[in-house]
Structure formats: C-alpha cells, structure tokens
Amino acid sequence: MSSEQLGADQRAQAVVALGGGHGLHASLSALRHLVDDLTVDELTAVVTVADNGGSSGRLRGEFGVLPPGDLRMALAALCGDDEWGATWARVLQHRFAGDGEMRGHVVGNLLIVGLWELLGDHVDALDWVGRLLGAKGRVLPMAMTPMDITAEVRGLEAGRPDGLTSVRGQVEVATTGGVITSIALDPPDPEVGPAVIDAIAAADWVVLGPGSWFTSVLPHLLVPRLREALVATEARLVVVLNLEEQAGETGGFGPADHLAVLAEHAPDLGIDVVLADRRSVAEGLGELEETVAALGARLVVDDVATDDGGPRHDPARLAAAYARVFEASDC
C-alpha cells in the first residue's frame, strides 16, 4: 500500500513484536515489508534475553552481559532487501568455522558485545548497530538483566510418570524430554528499560509469537513490569500460532493447547486476534475456534506458511496477513 492508497480514515500503525529466535525473526521479516509499504511506520522488537547456549551463552558467561544472539537475529531480520541490507544481514549472521577458540562465535554477537563495552549502554549500542545496518525498526531487550528460565517438568524420572522435576536454563528447558507444566524466571522481577514500556504504551498493535512457546514467547508475560504494560496498553494484541508442535517444549500440543498454556501463565492478558495458518489448524479447527471464542478473541485463519511443506512462515504471506488484520481492525 502506497501513501496515496492510505485512506483519510487510515494511518500507518505502530507495532511492537515480542519474542526471540527464529520465530521473532520470521515475524520481523514480515513486518519489515509493511514498513516499506507504509502500513507500519514504527516497528519495535522486544527480545527475550535468557539464552544460555552457543556463542551467546559463552559471551554471557565471560562478560556478564545480556546474551546477544536473539537481539542479533532481530536486527538481521530488520535489514532491507537492497545490497546494503542483504550484505550486512549476512555479515551479522556469519558464524566462524575453524578449530580454535573463535569457532562457533557469530560476528554480530561480537559486534554487539563490543559496542556494549564501548558505550556502556545496552539500548544505545543496539540503536547504533541498527543505524549501521539501516534497520527498518528498533530492537530492545526484554529486560536489562540476564535471566534464566526454570521449568517444572513432568515425567523425567523413571517410575514417576507424574513426578515433577525442576529444570534450569533456556537450552535445558527447550530440549527437555518431559512435559513442561510451568515456567518461571530468575530473577523473577528484572529491570525493564523505559523504552520498552514507552513503545508498548504508544503501540497500535502488539504481536506475540510465533516462536518457541516456553522459552521465547511466554517469558515476556512473566516479567512483572512488562506484563503490567501489556495489560494496561490500549494496543490490540495479536497472537501468532506456531505451525507445528516443537519437540521438547510443546510435544503433543495442538493449536488450542498453545493458547491454553498462554492463558494459564497470563490470565489477565487480553487477546484481540489469534492468527493461524490454514493448513496447520485444519484438523483441530473446531477446538481452536472454541478456545479463541472463550478468550474473547477473533480467529483469523490465513495461508502464512511456505509452500514446501516445512514448518516455516513465509515472510510475504505473513506480511499480507498482518496487513489484512491491521486494516480490518482500523475500519
């Protein structure tokens, strides 16, 4: 949609997207297209900071900083499709090979941590990286303190199928062999930057998901100040469902189960729209419709997955679905 196509009663939207990892990358890659066509004029990513594995975990352990990996992926997703943006996205995501101490580290992680050391400010440094990349939006950490995810997991102990075991760490929770019954954060009340609260208060839409449900999506709802901001905002909330269950985190989950878990962890959160892929919810559509109705939300079923059958959102299709959701609610 061009500026000429925006009607007198329509305006570009301010959007805040919450999540982490590949799910947030997919959502931001789609929303970036809406910045280009003027459907979205302000785009802010609020990113989970609980990663304890890989390059991020190593840098977090050595320097005591926020894990930079999910922040890096969000910045890469906001790079433009021109030569400058595409080149910097590849540079940011480049992972060193070899057999030495640098093996596995990612260029973007090192750049972000280097700027954190030089500038002494997490948000200022991320803004500088965004300007270097020509990012079509802003990336903010969910909290200013590194945190760990803990989970109560059922069925990990032989002979105790209903027994609960405490599991600690994002990687450990994401790869558990049991059934996650609940999660918590340590520390339980981390500091949230004012820029995050301001962005949510000024937003027209907040987008939650897709992504690893227990380690990328739900953690945002467990930070007290962030959750209070989400409950208080006048922005409308759209929850984007995953395309399939995820081994370890949501094995055996259907679409309705994802929403039920979200409601259990944040019963006071108002949901306006649930966006689901048509093919992914075909079998459990009736149950999903009942769950969405019980939450007081509107279900939007659209074609948002890639054509190759893989569990990946297609950025162009997801962008078109977002645009239809935003425009339908702006009439």
C-alpha atoms as a PDB file:
ATOM      1  CA  MET A   1       0.000   0.000   0.000  1.00  0.00           C
ATOM      2  CA  SER A   2       1.423   3.355  -1.011  1.00  0.00           C
ATOM      3  CA  SER A   3       0.872   6.611   0.860  1.00  0.00           C
ATOM      4  CA  GLU A   4      -1.693   7.557  -1.820  1.00  0.00           C
ATOM      5  CA  GLN A   5      -3.638   4.364  -1.040  1.00  0.00           C
ATOM      6  CA  LEU A   6      -3.967   5.129   2.662  1.00  0.00           C
ATOM      7  CA  GLY A   7      -7.462   6.488   3.043  1.00  0.00           C
ATOM      8  CA  ALA A   8      -8.402   9.527   5.052  1.00  0.00           C
ATOM      9  CA  ASP A   9      -9.578   7.325   7.929  1.00  0.00           C
ATOM     10  CA  GLN A  10      -6.469   5.126   7.862  1.00  0.00           C
ATOM     11  CA  ARG A  11      -2.975   5.711   9.124  1.00  0.00           C
ATOM     12  CA  ALA A  12       0.205   3.739   9.463  1.00  0.00           C
ATOM     13  CA  GLN A  13       0.400   1.585  12.572  1.00  0.00           C
ATOM     14  CA  ALA A  14       2.901   1.476  15.425  1.00  0.00           C
ATOM     15  CA  VAL A  15       3.717  -2.174  16.109  1.00  0.00           C
ATOM     16  CA  VAL A  16       5.642  -3.890  18.896  1.00  0.00           C
ATOM     17  CA  ALA A  17       6.680  -7.502  18.264  1.00  0.00           C
ATOM     18  CA  LEU A  18       7.613  -9.730  21.208  1.00  0.00           C
ATOM     19  CA  GLY A  19       9.598 -12.954  21.053  1.00  0.00           C
ATOM     20  CA  GLY A  20      13.009 -14.341  20.261  1.00  0.00           C
ATOM     21  CA  GLY A  21      14.990 -16.616  17.990  1.00  0.00           C
ATOM     22  CA  HIS A  22      13.706 -17.864  14.646  1.00  0.00           C
ATOM     23  CA  GLY A  23      10.050 -17.117  15.425  1.00  0.00           C
ATOM     24  CA  LEU A  24      10.652 -13.417  16.029  1.00  0.00           C
ATOM     25  CA  HIS A  25      12.967 -13.321  13.010  1.00  0.00           C
ATOM     26  CA  ALA A  26      10.099 -14.600  10.840  1.00  0.00           C
ATOM     27  CA  SER A  27       7.629 -12.095  12.285  1.00  0.00           C
ATOM     28  CA  LEU A  28      10.006  -9.147  11.883  1.00  0.00           C
ATOM     29  CA  SER A  29      10.924 -10.186   8.339  1.00  0.00           C
ATOM     30  CA  ALA A  30       7.214  -9.913   7.530  1.00  0.00           C
ATOM     31  CA  LEU A  31       6.570  -6.688   9.437  1.00  0.00           C
ATOM     32  CA  ARG A  32       9.596  -5.074   7.759  1.00  0.00           C
ATOM     33  CA  HIS A  33       7.738  -5.321   4.440  1.00  0.00           C
ATOM     34  CA  LEU A  34       4.879  -3.328   5.973  1.00  0.00           C
ATOM     35  CA  VAL A  35       7.314  -0.578   6.932  1.00  0.00           C
ATOM     36  CA  ASP A  36       8.325  -0.356   3.280  1.00  0.00           C
ATOM     37  CA  ASP A  37       4.734  -0.057   2.056  1.00  0.00           C
ATOM     38  CA  LEU A  38       3.781   2.416   4.835  1.00  0.00           C
ATOM     39  CA  THR A  39       1.277   0.157   6.599  1.00  0.00           C
ATOM     40  CA  VAL A  40       3.601   0.288   9.627  1.00  0.00           C
ATOM     41  CA  ASP A  41       5.504   3.455  10.496  1.00  0.00           C
ATOM     42  CA  GLU A  42       7.027   2.438  13.838  1.00  0.00           C
ATOM     43  CA  LEU A  43       8.304  -1.079  14.437  1.00  0.00           C
ATOM     44  CA  THR A  44       9.895  -2.170  17.716  1.00  0.00           C
ATOM     45  CA  ALA A  45      11.143  -5.635  18.611  1.00  0.00           C
ATOM     46  CA  VAL A  46      11.245  -6.618  22.290  1.00  0.00           C
ATOM     47  CA  VAL A  47      13.528  -9.612  22.573  1.00  0.00           C
ATOM     48  CA  THR A  48      13.928 -12.403  25.120  1.00  0.00           C
ATOM     49  CA  VAL A  49      17.302 -12.355  26.927  1.00  0.00           C
ATOM     50  CA  ALA A  50      17.534 -15.793  28.536  1.00  0.00           C
ATOM     51  CA  ASP A  51      19.726 -17.719  26.075  1.00  0.00           C
ATOM     52  CA  ASN A  52      22.491 -19.709  27.765  1.00  0.00           C
ATOM     53  CA  GLY A  53      23.812 -21.768  24.875  1.00  0.00           C
ATOM     54  CA  GLY A  54      26.209 -21.443  21.947  1.00  0.00           C
ATOM     55  CA  SER A  55      28.043 -18.212  21.193  1.00  0.00           C
ATOM     56  CA  SER A  56      25.551 -16.181  23.239  1.00  0.00           C
ATOM     57  CA  GLY A  57      25.994 -18.344  26.294  1.00  0.00           C
ATOM     58  CA  ARG A  58      29.778 -18.172  26.055  1.00  0.00           C
ATOM     59  CA  LEU A  59      29.772 -14.371  25.800  1.00  0.00           C
ATOM     60  CA  ARG A  60      27.229 -14.072  28.585  1.00  0.00           C
ATOM     61  CA  GLY A  61      29.371 -16.236  30.841  1.00  0.00           C
ATOM     62  CA  GLU A  62      32.644 -14.479  30.043  1.00  0.00           C
ATOM     63  CA  PHE A  63      31.495 -10.859  30.096  1.00  0.00           C
ATOM     64  CA  GLY A  64      28.368 -10.934  32.255  1.00  0.00           C
ATOM     65  CA  VAL A  65      26.315  -9.272  29.519  1.00  0.00           C
ATOM     66  CA  LEU A  66      22.904  -9.937  28.072  1.00  0.00           C
ATOM     67  CA  PRO A  67      23.008 -12.857  25.627  1.00  0.00           C
ATOM     68  CA  PRO A  68      23.249 -11.105  22.243  1.00  0.00           C
ATOM     69  CA  GLY A  69      22.087 -13.866  19.886  1.00  0.00           C
ATOM     70  CA  ASP A  70      18.347 -13.240  19.725  1.00  0.00           C
ATOM     71  CA  LEU A  71      18.955  -9.482  19.600  1.00  0.00           C
ATOM     72  CA  ARG A  72      21.298 -10.044  16.643  1.00  0.00           C
ATOM     73  CA  MET A  73      18.734 -12.174  14.811  1.00  0.00           C
ATOM     74  CA  ALA A  74      16.094  -9.483  15.281  1.00  0.00           C
ATOM     75  CA  LEU A  75      18.426  -6.831  13.857  1.00  0.00           C
ATOM     76  CA  ALA A  76      19.244  -9.052  10.880  1.00  0.00           C
ATOM     77  CA  ALA A  77      15.540  -9.540  10.174  1.00  0.00           C
ATOM     78  CA  LEU A  78      15.077  -5.757  10.000  1.00  0.00           C
ATOM     79  CA  CYS A  79      17.736  -5.297   7.309  1.00  0.00           C
ATOM     80  CA  GLY A  80      16.421  -4.146   3.945  1.00  0.00           C
ATOM     81  CA  ASP A  81      16.382  -6.181   0.748  1.00  0.00           C
ATOM     82  CA  ASP A  82      18.808  -3.840  -1.023  1.00  0.00           C
ATOM     83  CA  GLU A  83      22.508  -4.676  -1.414  1.00  0.00           C
ATOM     84  CA  TRP A  84      23.484  -2.823   1.775  1.00  0.00           C
ATOM     85  CA  GLY A  85      20.875  -4.549   3.909  1.00  0.00           C
ATOM     86  CA  ALA A  86      21.388  -8.005   2.447  1.00  0.00           C
ATOM     87  CA  THR A  87      25.174  -7.768   2.844  1.00  0.00           C
ATOM     88  CA  TRP A  88      25.026  -6.596   6.448  1.00  0.00           C
ATOM     89  CA  ALA A  89      22.465  -9.254   7.314  1.00  0.00           C
ATOM     90  CA  ARG A  90      24.881 -11.923   6.055  1.00  0.00           C
ATOM     91  CA  VAL A  91      27.801 -10.345   7.928  1.00  0.00           C
ATOM     92  CA  LEU A  92      25.805 -10.124  11.132  1.00  0.00           C
ATOM     93  CA  GLN A  93      24.799 -13.788  10.917  1.00  0.00           C
ATOM     94  CA  HIS A  94      28.224 -15.135   9.877  1.00  0.00           C
ATOM     95  CA  ARG A  95      29.473 -17.881  12.195  1.00  0.00           C
ATOM     96  CA  PHE A  96      33.200 -18.581  12.407  1.00  0.00           C
ATOM     97  CA  ALA A  97      34.431 -22.033  11.444  1.00  0.00           C
ATOM     98  CA  GLY A  98      37.864 -23.477  12.240  1.00  0.00           C
ATOM     99  CA  ASP A  99      39.082 -25.386  15.279  1.00  0.00           C
ATOM    100  CA  GLY A 100      40.207 -22.572  17.569  1.00  0.00           C
ATOM    101  CA  GLU A 101      38.601 -20.594  20.358  1.00  0.00           C
ATOM    102  CA  MET A 102      36.603 -18.470  17.887  1.00  0.00           C
ATOM    103  CA  ARG A 103      34.820 -21.496  16.442  1.00  0.00           C
ATOM    104  CA  GLY A 104      31.061 -21.053  16.681  1.00  0.00           C
ATOM    105  CA  HIS A 105      31.106 -17.366  17.542  1.00  0.00           C
ATOM    106  CA  VAL A 106      28.926 -15.089  15.411  1.00  0.00           C
ATOM    107  CA  VAL A 107      30.159 -11.771  14.010  1.00  0.00           C
ATOM    108  CA  GLY A 108      27.014  -9.919  15.083  1.00  0.00           C
ATOM    109  CA  ASN A 109      27.287 -11.185  18.657  1.00  0.00           C
ATOM    110  CA  LEU A 110      30.840  -9.872  18.919  1.00  0.00           C
ATOM    111  CA  LEU A 111      29.867  -6.530  17.380  1.00  0.00           C
ATOM    112  CA  ILE A 112      27.016  -6.051  19.848  1.00  0.00           C
ATOM    113  CA  VAL A 113      29.082  -7.013  22.895  1.00  0.00           C
ATOM    114  CA  GLY A 114      31.925  -4.772  21.704  1.00  0.00           C
ATOM    115  CA  LEU A 115      29.575  -1.787  21.485  1.00  0.00           C
ATOM    116  CA  TRP A 116      28.143  -2.605  24.897  1.00  0.00           C
ATOM    117  CA  GLU A 117      31.657  -2.403  26.332  1.00  0.00           C
ATOM    118  CA  LEU A 118      32.486   0.832  24.490  1.00  0.00           C
ATOM    119  CA  LEU A 119      29.226   2.686  25.139  1.00  0.00           C
ATOM    120  CA  GLY A 120      28.184   1.178  28.454  1.00  0.00           C
ATOM    121  CA  ASP A 121      24.518   1.207  27.477  1.00  0.00           C
ATOM    122  CA  HIS A 122      22.604  -1.778  26.080  1.00  0.00           C
ATOM    123  CA  VAL A 123      19.929   0.193  24.250  1.00  0.00           C
ATOM    124  CA  ASP A 124      22.227   2.883  22.855  1.00  0.00           C
ATOM    125  CA  ALA A 125      24.560   0.225  21.462  1.00  0.00           C
ATOM    126  CA  LEU A 126      21.709  -1.665  19.779  1.00  0.00           C
ATOM    127  CA  ASP A 127      20.493   1.591  18.226  1.00  0.00           C
ATOM    128  CA  TRP A 128      23.986   2.169  16.796  1.00  0.00           C
ATOM    129  CA  VAL A 129      24.025  -1.325  15.273  1.00  0.00           C
ATOM    130  CA  GLY A 130      20.592  -0.662  13.805  1.00  0.00           C
ATOM    131  CA  ARG A 131      21.793   2.564  12.181  1.00  0.00           C
ATOM    132  CA  LEU A 132      24.824   0.781  10.739  1.00  0.00           C
ATOM    133  CA  LEU A 133      22.570  -1.841   9.183  1.00  0.00           C
ATOM    134  CA  GLY A 134      19.877   0.538   8.009  1.00  0.00           C
ATOM    135  CA  ALA A 135      17.391  -1.480  10.081  1.00  0.00           C
ATOM    136  CA  LYS A 136      13.701  -0.817   9.426  1.00  0.00           C
ATOM    137  CA  GLY A 137      12.866  -0.686  13.115  1.00  0.00           C
ATOM    138  CA  ARG A 138      14.271  -0.732  16.624  1.00  0.00           C
ATOM    139  CA  VAL A 139      15.447  -3.685  18.739  1.00  0.00           C
ATOM    140  CA  LEU A 140      15.190  -3.612  22.538  1.00  0.00           C
ATOM    141  CA  PRO A 141      15.989  -6.234  25.182  1.00  0.00           C
ATOM    142  CA  MET A 142      13.051  -7.574  27.180  1.00  0.00           C
ATOM    143  CA  ALA A 143      14.933  -6.764  30.387  1.00  0.00           C
ATOM    144  CA  MET A 144      18.214  -5.151  31.321  1.00  0.00           C
ATOM    145  CA  THR A 145      19.383  -8.166  33.339  1.00  0.00           C
ATOM    146  CA  PRO A 146      20.421 -11.583  32.009  1.00  0.00           C
ATOM    147  CA  MET A 147      17.983 -14.186  33.263  1.00  0.00           C
ATOM    148  CA  ASP A 148      17.489 -17.911  33.446  1.00  0.00           C
ATOM    149  CA  ILE A 149      14.320 -19.802  32.615  1.00  0.00           C
ATOM    150  CA  THR A 150      13.307 -22.517  35.050  1.00  0.00           C
ATOM    151  CA  ALA A 151      10.618 -25.096  34.428  1.00  0.00           C
ATOM    152  CA  GLU A 152       8.674 -27.743  36.259  1.00  0.00           C
ATOM    153  CA  VAL A 153       8.739 -30.800  34.033  1.00  0.00           C
ATOM    154  CA  ARG A 154       6.631 -33.919  34.447  1.00  0.00           C
ATOM    155  CA  GLY A 155       7.774 -37.428  33.588  1.00  0.00           C
ATOM    156  CA  LEU A 156      11.565 -37.122  33.607  1.00  0.00           C
ATOM    157  CA  GLU A 157      12.155 -39.683  36.350  1.00  0.00           C
ATOM    158  CA  ALA A 158      11.774 -43.385  35.642  1.00  0.00           C
ATOM    159  CA  GLY A 159       8.961 -44.902  37.675  1.00  0.00           C
ATOM    160  CA  ARG A 160       7.438 -41.486  38.468  1.00  0.00           C
ATOM    161  CA  PRO A 161       5.396 -40.559  35.388  1.00  0.00           C
ATOM    162  CA  ASP A 162       3.568 -37.807  37.272  1.00  0.00           C
ATOM    163  CA  GLY A 163       6.547 -36.607  39.280  1.00  0.00           C
ATOM    164  CA  LEU A 164       7.860 -33.091  38.730  1.00  0.00           C
ATOM    165  CA  THR A 165      11.493 -32.196  38.159  1.00  0.00           C
ATOM    166  CA  SER A 166      12.939 -28.679  38.149  1.00  0.00           C
ATOM    167  CA  VAL A 167      14.940 -27.844  35.020  1.00  0.00           C
ATOM    168  CA  ARG A 168      17.065 -24.700  34.719  1.00  0.00           C
ATOM    169  CA  GLY A 169      18.348 -22.905  31.624  1.00  0.00           C
ATOM    170  CA  GLN A 170      16.888 -21.961  28.258  1.00  0.00           C
ATOM    171  CA  VAL A 171      18.674 -24.744  26.377  1.00  0.00           C
ATOM    172  CA  GLU A 172      17.807 -27.339  29.007  1.00  0.00           C
ATOM    173  CA  VAL A 173      14.133 -26.333  29.069  1.00  0.00           C
ATOM    174  CA  ALA A 174      13.901 -26.241  25.268  1.00  0.00           C
ATOM    175  CA  THR A 175      15.298 -29.757  24.933  1.00  0.00           C
ATOM    176  CA  THR A 176      13.668 -31.472  27.899  1.00  0.00           C
ATOM    177  CA  GLY A 177      12.286 -34.938  27.369  1.00  0.00           C
ATOM    178  CA  GLY A 178       9.323 -34.480  29.696  1.00  0.00           C
ATOM    179  CA  VAL A 179       6.166 -32.365  29.663  1.00  0.00           C
ATOM    180  CA  ILE A 180       6.580 -28.754  30.784  1.00  0.00           C
ATOM    181  CA  THR A 181       3.861 -27.793  33.248  1.00  0.00           C
ATOM    182  CA  SER A 182       5.033 -24.265  34.137  1.00  0.00           C
ATOM    183  CA  ILE A 183       7.951 -21.888  33.765  1.00  0.00           C
ATOM    184  CA  ALA A 184       9.424 -19.083  35.856  1.00  0.00           C
ATOM    185  CA  LEU A 185      12.224 -16.542  35.550  1.00  0.00           C
ATOM    186  CA  ASP A 186      15.284 -15.990  37.717  1.00  0.00           C
ATOM    187  CA  PRO A 187      15.467 -13.199  38.734  1.00  0.00           C
ATOM    188  CA  PRO A 188      11.676 -13.006  38.915  1.00  0.00           C
ATOM    189  CA  ASP A 189      11.444  -9.205  38.669  1.00  0.00           C
ATOM    190  CA  PRO A 190      14.199  -7.942  36.351  1.00  0.00           C
ATOM    191  CA  GLU A 191      14.595  -4.319  35.389  1.00  0.00           C
ATOM    192  CA  VAL A 192      12.748  -3.299  32.227  1.00  0.00           C
ATOM    193  CA  GLY A 193      14.050  -0.375  30.199  1.00  0.00           C
ATOM    194  CA  PRO A 194      11.771   2.666  29.879  1.00  0.00           C
ATOM    195  CA  ALA A 195      11.974   2.476  26.082  1.00  0.00           C
ATOM    196  CA  VAL A 196      10.145  -0.875  26.188  1.00  0.00           C
ATOM    197  CA  ILE A 197       7.348   0.465  28.378  1.00  0.00           C
ATOM    198  CA  ASP A 198       7.017   3.593  26.217  1.00  0.00           C
ATOM    199  CA  ALA A 199       6.863   1.577  22.981  1.00  0.00           C
ATOM    200  CA  ILE A 200       4.095  -0.678  24.305  1.00  0.00           C
ATOM    201  CA  ALA A 201       2.109   2.284  25.610  1.00  0.00           C
ATOM    202  CA  ALA A 202       2.318   4.039  22.221  1.00  0.00           C
ATOM    203  CA  ALA A 203       1.630   0.949  20.088  1.00  0.00           C
ATOM    204  CA  ASP A 204      -1.438   0.299  17.982  1.00  0.00           C
ATOM    205  CA  TRP A 205      -0.651  -3.411  17.829  1.00  0.00           C
ATOM    206  CA  VAL A 206       1.392  -5.845  19.901  1.00  0.00           C
ATOM    207  CA  VAL A 207       2.385  -9.087  18.170  1.00  0.00           C
ATOM    208  CA  LEU A 208       3.181 -12.110  20.356  1.00  0.00           C
ATOM    209  CA  GLY A 209       4.633 -15.198  18.656  1.00  0.00           C
ATOM    210  CA  PRO A 210       5.389 -17.266  16.753  1.00  0.00           C
ATOM    211  CA  GLY A 211       8.371 -18.988  18.347  1.00  0.00           C
ATOM    212  CA  SER A 212       9.486 -21.443  20.996  1.00  0.00           C
ATOM    213  CA  TRP A 213       6.469 -21.177  23.253  1.00  0.00           C
ATOM    214  CA  PHE A 214       8.030 -21.669  26.684  1.00  0.00           C
ATOM    215  CA  THR A 215      11.447 -20.106  26.073  1.00  0.00           C
ATOM    216  CA  SER A 216      10.779 -17.250  23.616  1.00  0.00           C
ATOM    217  CA  VAL A 217       7.093 -16.311  23.817  1.00  0.00           C
ATOM    218  CA  LEU A 218       5.821 -16.850  27.364  1.00  0.00           C
ATOM    219  CA  PRO A 219       8.820 -15.298  29.199  1.00  0.00           C
ATOM    220  CA  HIS A 220       7.614 -11.814  28.236  1.00  0.00           C
ATOM    221  CA  LEU A 221       4.460 -12.411  30.257  1.00  0.00           C
ATOM    222  CA  LEU A 222       6.416 -13.373  33.377  1.00  0.00           C
ATOM    223  CA  VAL A 223       8.315 -10.083  33.751  1.00  0.00           C
ATOM    224  CA  PRO A 224       6.068  -8.083  36.117  1.00  0.00           C
ATOM    225  CA  ARG A 225       6.602  -4.589  34.654  1.00  0.00           C
ATOM    226  CA  LEU A 226       6.384  -5.852  31.095  1.00  0.00           C
ATOM    227  CA  ARG A 227       3.215  -7.795  31.794  1.00  0.00           C
ATOM    228  CA  GLU A 228       1.673  -4.761  33.521  1.00  0.00           C
ATOM    229  CA  ALA A 229       2.457  -2.675  30.445  1.00  0.00           C
ATOM    230  CA  LEU A 230       0.868  -5.272  28.156  1.00  0.00           C
ATOM    231  CA  VAL A 231      -2.281  -5.422  30.270  1.00  0.00           C
ATOM    232  CA  ALA A 232      -2.541  -1.621  30.522  1.00  0.00           C
ATOM    233  CA  THR A 233      -1.845  -0.695  26.898  1.00  0.00           C
ATOM    234  CA  GLU A 234      -4.632   0.323  24.554  1.00  0.00           C
ATOM    235  CA  ALA A 235      -2.842  -1.544  21.766  1.00  0.00           C
ATOM    236  CA  ARG A 236      -4.590  -4.563  20.330  1.00  0.00           C
ATOM    237  CA  LEU A 237      -2.835  -7.896  20.798  1.00  0.00           C
ATOM    238  CA  VAL A 238      -2.453 -10.489  18.065  1.00  0.00           C
ATOM    239  CA  VAL A 239      -1.108 -13.926  18.981  1.00  0.00           C
ATOM    240  CA  VAL A 240       0.529 -15.772  16.084  1.00  0.00           C
ATOM    241  CA  LEU A 241       0.405 -19.538  16.467  1.00  0.00           C
ATOM    242  CA  ASN A 242       3.237 -21.864  15.549  1.00  0.00           C
ATOM    243  CA  LEU A 243       2.920 -24.135  12.529  1.00  0.00           C
ATOM    244  CA  GLU A 244       3.507 -27.345  14.464  1.00  0.00           C
ATOM    245  CA  GLU A 245       4.455 -28.726  17.848  1.00  0.00           C
ATOM    246  CA  GLN A 246       8.091 -28.390  18.927  1.00  0.00           C
ATOM    247  CA  ALA A 247       9.949 -31.416  20.252  1.00  0.00           C
ATOM    248  CA  GLY A 248      10.976 -30.837  23.859  1.00  0.00           C
ATOM    249  CA  GLU A 249       8.891 -27.733  24.534  1.00  0.00           C
ATOM    250  CA  THR A 250       5.454 -28.495  23.112  1.00  0.00           C
ATOM    251  CA  GLY A 251       5.474 -32.139  22.065  1.00  0.00           C
ATOM    252  CA  GLY A 252       1.894 -33.311  21.558  1.00  0.00           C
ATOM    253  CA  PHE A 253       0.490 -29.763  21.662  1.00  0.00           C
ATOM    254  CA  GLY A 254      -2.230 -28.717  19.257  1.00  0.00           C
ATOM    255  CA  PRO A 255      -3.027 -25.083  18.382  1.00  0.00           C
ATOM    256  CA  ALA A 256      -5.589 -24.789  21.183  1.00  0.00           C
ATOM    257  CA  ASP A 257      -3.084 -26.147  23.711  1.00  0.00           C
ATOM    258  CA  HIS A 258      -0.688 -23.291  22.925  1.00  0.00           C
ATOM    259  CA  LEU A 259      -3.403 -20.764  23.751  1.00  0.00           C
ATOM    260  CA  ALA A 260      -4.445 -22.626  26.893  1.00  0.00           C
ATOM    261  CA  VAL A 261      -0.889 -22.523  28.249  1.00  0.00           C
ATOM    262  CA  LEU A 262      -0.613 -18.821  27.436  1.00  0.00           C
ATOM    263  CA  ALA A 263      -3.866 -18.128  29.287  1.00  0.00           C
ATOM    264  CA  GLU A 264      -2.665 -20.127  32.307  1.00  0.00           C
ATOM    265  CA  HIS A 265       0.513 -18.065  32.568  1.00  0.00           C
ATOM    266  CA  ALA A 266      -1.189 -14.690  31.931  1.00  0.00           C
ATOM    267  CA  PRO A 267      -4.928 -14.941  32.707  1.00  0.00           C
ATOM    268  CA  ASP A 268      -5.303 -11.149  32.856  1.00  0.00           C
ATOM    269  CA  LEU A 269      -3.931 -10.581  29.356  1.00  0.00           C
ATOM    270  CA  GLY A 270      -6.496  -9.504  26.784  1.00  0.00           C
ATOM    271  CA  ILE A 271      -6.132 -11.081  23.320  1.00  0.00           C
ATOM    272  CA  ASP A 272      -7.833  -9.442  20.333  1.00  0.00           C
ATOM    273  CA  VAL A 273      -6.798 -11.635  17.398  1.00  0.00           C
ATOM    274  CA  VAL A 274      -5.341 -15.114  17.002  1.00  0.00           C
ATOM    275  CA  LEU A 275      -3.623 -15.654  13.646  1.00  0.00           C
ATOM    276  CA  ALA A 276      -3.182 -19.244  12.485  1.00  0.00           C
ATOM    277  CA  ASP A 277      -2.064 -20.975   9.309  1.00  0.00           C
ATOM    278  CA  ARG A 278      -4.886 -22.652   7.420  1.00  0.00           C
ATOM    279  CA  ARG A 279      -3.071 -25.927   6.759  1.00  0.00           C
ATOM    280  CA  SER A 280      -1.657 -26.193  10.277  1.00  0.00           C
ATOM    281  CA  VAL A 281      -5.007 -25.933  12.067  1.00  0.00           C
ATOM    282  CA  ALA A 282      -7.196 -27.859   9.646  1.00  0.00           C
ATOM    283  CA  GLU A 283      -7.574 -30.914  11.883  1.00  0.00           C
ATOM    284  CA  GLY A 284      -8.184 -29.141  15.188  1.00  0.00           C
ATOM    285  CA  LEU A 285     -10.082 -26.131  13.855  1.00  0.00           C
ATOM    286  CA  GLY A 286     -13.247 -26.701  15.894  1.00  0.00           C
ATOM    287  CA  GLU A 287     -11.398 -26.918  19.206  1.00  0.00           C
ATOM    288  CA  LEU A 288      -9.319 -23.864  18.286  1.00  0.00           C
ATOM    289  CA  GLU A 289     -12.429 -21.843  17.445  1.00  0.00           C
ATOM    290  CA  GLU A 290     -13.944 -22.697  20.836  1.00  0.00           C
ATOM    291  CA  THR A 291     -10.739 -21.760  22.692  1.00  0.00           C
ATOM    292  CA  VAL A 292     -10.360 -18.455  20.839  1.00  0.00           C
ATOM    293  CA  ALA A 293     -14.016 -17.580  21.488  1.00  0.00           C
ATOM    294  CA  ALA A 294     -13.599 -18.374  25.200  1.00  0.00           C
ATOM    295  CA  LEU A 295     -10.696 -15.891  25.298  1.00  0.00           C
ATOM    296  CA  GLY A 296     -12.893 -13.206  23.728  1.00  0.00           C
ATOM    297  CA  ALA A 297     -10.683 -13.001  20.652  1.00  0.00           C
ATOM    298  CA  ARG A 298     -11.210 -13.201  16.896  1.00  0.00           C
ATOM    299  CA  LEU A 299      -9.691 -16.088  14.951  1.00  0.00           C
ATOM    300  CA  VAL A 300      -8.054 -15.288  11.620  1.00  0.00           C
ATOM    301  CA  VAL A 301      -7.063 -18.304   9.524  1.00  0.00           C
ATOM    302  CA  ASP A 302      -4.828 -17.497   6.579  1.00  0.00           C
ATOM    303  CA  ASP A 303      -2.154 -19.032   4.363  1.00  0.00           C
ATOM    304  CA  VAL A 304       1.083 -17.937   6.039  1.00  0.00           C
ATOM    305  CA  ALA A 305       3.361 -20.989   5.676  1.00  0.00           C
ATOM    306  CA  THR A 306       5.846 -21.716   2.905  1.00  0.00           C
ATOM    307  CA  ASP A 307       4.758 -23.957   0.032  1.00  0.00           C
ATOM    308  CA  ASP A 308       7.487 -26.562   0.580  1.00  0.00           C
ATOM    309  CA  GLY A 309       5.694 -28.209   3.498  1.00  0.00           C
ATOM    310  CA  GLY A 310       8.319 -27.149   6.042  1.00  0.00           C
ATOM    311  CA  PRO A 311       7.328 -25.563   9.357  1.00  0.00           C
ATOM    312  CA  ARG A 312       8.346 -22.061   8.303  1.00  0.00           C
ATOM    313  CA  HIS A 313       6.356 -18.879   7.909  1.00  0.00           C
ATOM    314  CA  ASP A 314       6.594 -17.249   4.504  1.00  0.00           C
ATOM    315  CA  PRO A 315       7.556 -13.587   5.069  1.00  0.00           C
ATOM    316  CA  ALA A 316       5.488 -12.234   2.170  1.00  0.00           C
ATOM    317  CA  ARG A 317       2.387 -14.227   3.097  1.00  0.00           C
ATOM    318  CA  LEU A 318       2.726 -13.385   6.777  1.00  0.00           C
ATOM    319  CA  ALA A 319       3.147  -9.699   5.876  1.00  0.00           C
ATOM    320  CA  ALA A 320      -0.047  -9.808   3.810  1.00  0.00           C
ATOM    321  CA  ALA A 321      -1.900 -11.486   6.673  1.00  0.00           C
ATOM    322  CA  TYR A 322      -0.674  -8.868   9.152  1.00  0.00           C
ATOM    323  CA  ALA A 323      -1.778  -6.098   6.799  1.00  0.00           C
ATOM    324  CA  ARG A 324      -5.259  -7.591   6.495  1.00  0.00           C
ATOM    325  CA  VAL A 325      -5.540  -7.922  10.280  1.00  0.00           C
ATOM    326  CA  PHE A 326      -4.392  -4.347  10.899  1.00  0.00           C
ATOM    327  CA  GLU A 327      -6.563  -2.847   8.177  1.00  0.00           C
ATOM    328  CA  ALA A 328      -9.701  -4.828   9.115  1.00  0.00           C
ATOM    329  CA  SER A 329      -9.458  -3.566  12.690  1.00  0.00           C
ATOM    330  CA  ASP A 330      -8.766   0.022  11.575  1.00  0.00           C
ATOM    331  CA  CYS A 331     -12.023   0.449   9.678  1.00  0.00           C
END
